Amino acid sequence: MSNPDSRTAVETALKHLLEQVPALKPLKLIAAAEVHGGRDTQLVRIEMPGPKVTKELAPDARVTLDIRRDVLNDLVDADIQSWVRAWNTGRFKATGVDQYLKLIGQVVGKTAERARQHQGAKYKH
């Protein structure tokens, strides 16, 4: 089976992430994703809540995600810990309005920490 197009991959990855971090679901935000694959860059516009993901420019974006296609493919169905590791190791970057970046970082970080503690508690029993 071939890989989905960039728009579909972004939408699938985002929906999966939102299932794991439901506190982000009501966030009102326009974002852009620049997906780099070889010599090609696909531009994707993300509208939250939703998400509504379209293959177009996002001049109104408050946050821009810069990600290689192979990294996006790895994150499509990844758990929250994989997202955090990818961020912490620079496998993808986000730029934009600092308040949005801090809010998203705090919410994802707290959710990842709870998941990590929950996972650790399962192994202790």
Protein backbone atom coordinates (compact mmCIF):
# COMPACT_ATOMS: atom_id res chain seq x y z
CA MET A 1 0.00 0.00 0.00
CA SER A 2 1.37 3.44 -0.85
CA ASN A 3 1.82 6.23 1.65
CA PRO A 4 -1.08 8.67 1.96
CA ASP A 5 -0.62 12.17 0.55
CA SER A 6 0.71 14.85 2.88
CA ARG A 7 -2.71 16.32 3.64
CA THR A 8 -4.10 12.93 4.61
CA ALA A 9 -1.01 12.06 6.65
CA VAL A 10 -1.17 15.36 8.56
CA GLU A 11 -4.90 14.92 9.19
CA THR A 12 -4.51 11.32 10.37
CA ALA A 13 -1.54 12.15 12.62
CA LEU A 14 -3.33 15.16 14.11
CA LYS A 15 -6.56 13.25 14.79
CA HIS A 16 -4.57 10.47 16.48
CA LEU A 17 -2.65 13.03 18.57
CA LEU A 18 -5.91 14.76 19.57
CA GLU A 19 -7.32 11.41 20.76
CA GLN A 20 -4.35 11.21 23.12
CA VAL A 21 -4.44 14.90 24.10
CA PRO A 22 -8.15 15.77 24.20
CA ALA A 23 -7.45 19.07 26.00
CA LEU A 24 -6.22 20.43 22.63
CA LYS A 25 -9.45 19.60 20.78
CA PRO A 26 -11.22 22.92 21.49
CA LEU A 27 -8.13 25.03 20.66
CA LYS A 28 -8.93 27.75 18.11
CA LEU A 29 -5.93 27.95 15.83
CA ILE A 30 -4.89 28.20 12.21
CA ALA A 31 -1.63 26.36 11.59
CA ALA A 32 0.50 25.45 8.61
CA ALA A 33 2.52 22.32 8.00
CA GLU A 34 5.46 22.33 5.64
CA VAL A 35 6.09 18.68 4.77
CA HIS A 36 9.47 18.12 3.11
CA GLY A 37 10.05 15.04 0.99
CA GLY A 38 13.15 14.93 -1.12
CA ARG A 39 13.12 18.02 -3.32
CA ASP A 40 9.40 18.60 -2.81
CA THR A 41 7.63 20.60 -0.09
CA GLN A 42 3.89 20.17 0.44
CA LEU A 43 2.01 23.00 2.16
CA VAL A 44 -0.93 22.10 4.36
CA ARG A 45 -3.37 24.40 6.20
CA ILE A 46 -4.83 23.20 9.51
CA GLU A 47 -7.89 24.79 11.08
CA MET A 48 -8.78 23.98 14.68
CA PRO A 49 -11.07 22.99 16.21
CA GLY A 50 -11.81 20.23 13.82
CA PRO A 51 -9.31 19.60 12.52
CA LYS A 52 -10.01 20.77 9.00
CA VAL A 53 -6.92 20.01 6.91
CA THR A 54 -6.55 21.29 3.36
CA LYS A 55 -3.69 21.31 0.86
CA GLU A 56 -3.16 25.05 0.49
CA LEU A 57 -1.19 28.01 1.76
CA ALA A 58 -1.97 29.28 5.24
CA PRO A 59 -1.04 32.98 5.29
CA ASP A 60 -3.20 33.35 8.41
CA ALA A 61 -1.31 30.63 10.33
CA ARG A 62 -0.29 31.40 13.91
CA VAL A 63 1.92 28.29 14.13
CA THR A 64 3.98 26.60 11.42
CA LEU A 65 5.15 23.00 11.70
CA ASP A 66 8.26 22.05 9.73
CA ILE A 67 8.55 18.28 9.28
CA ARG A 68 10.17 15.79 6.94
CA ARG A 69 7.82 13.34 5.29
CA ASP A 70 9.53 10.27 6.78
CA VAL A 71 9.13 11.74 10.29
CA LEU A 72 5.46 12.48 9.61
CA ASN A 73 4.99 8.90 8.42
CA ASP A 74 6.53 7.68 11.70
CA LEU A 75 4.16 9.88 13.73
CA VAL A 76 0.91 9.10 11.89
CA ASP A 77 -0.16 6.50 14.45
CA ALA A 78 2.46 7.17 17.15
CA ASP A 79 1.83 7.43 20.87
CA ILE A 80 2.30 10.68 22.77
CA GLN A 81 5.76 9.62 23.99
CA SER A 82 6.93 9.26 20.36
CA TRP A 83 5.72 12.79 19.60
CA VAL A 84 7.61 14.15 22.61
CA ARG A 85 10.79 12.26 21.68
CA ALA A 86 10.56 13.51 18.08
CA TRP A 87 10.15 17.09 19.32
CA ASN A 88 12.93 16.83 21.91
CA THR A 89 15.37 15.42 19.34
CA GLY A 90 14.55 18.07 16.74
CA ARG A 91 12.88 15.68 14.29
CA PHE A 92 10.27 18.37 13.71
CA LYS A 93 10.05 22.04 14.60
CA ALA A 94 7.29 24.52 15.28
CA THR A 95 7.50 28.29 15.02
CA GLY A 96 4.97 31.03 15.50
CA VAL A 97 3.09 32.88 18.21
CA ASP A 98 4.83 32.12 21.48
CA GLN A 99 1.62 31.87 23.54
CA TYR A 100 0.29 29.09 21.31
CA LEU A 101 3.59 27.23 21.30
CA LYS A 102 3.86 27.41 25.11
CA LEU A 103 0.24 26.34 25.63
CA ILE A 104 0.54 23.37 23.29
CA GLY A 105 3.87 22.40 24.83
CA GLN A 106 2.49 22.52 28.36
CA VAL A 107 -0.64 20.52 27.53
CA VAL A 108 1.26 17.87 25.56
CA GLY A 109 3.99 17.70 28.22
CA LYS A 110 1.52 17.18 31.07
CA THR A 111 -0.40 14.56 29.09
CA ALA A 112 2.83 12.73 28.20
CA GLU A 113 3.95 12.78 31.83
CA ARG A 114 0.60 11.33 32.99
CA ALA A 115 0.84 8.63 30.31
CA ARG A 116 4.41 7.82 31.35
CA GLN A 117 3.42 7.58 35.02
CA HIS A 118 0.40 5.45 34.14
CA GLN A 119 2.60 3.15 32.05
CA GLY A 120 5.11 2.88 34.92
CA ALA A 121 2.32 2.07 37.38
CA LYS A 122 1.14 -0.80 35.16
CA TYR A 123 4.58 -2.40 35.34
CA LYS A 124 4.73 -2.16 39.16
CA HIS A 125 1.68 -4.37 39.67
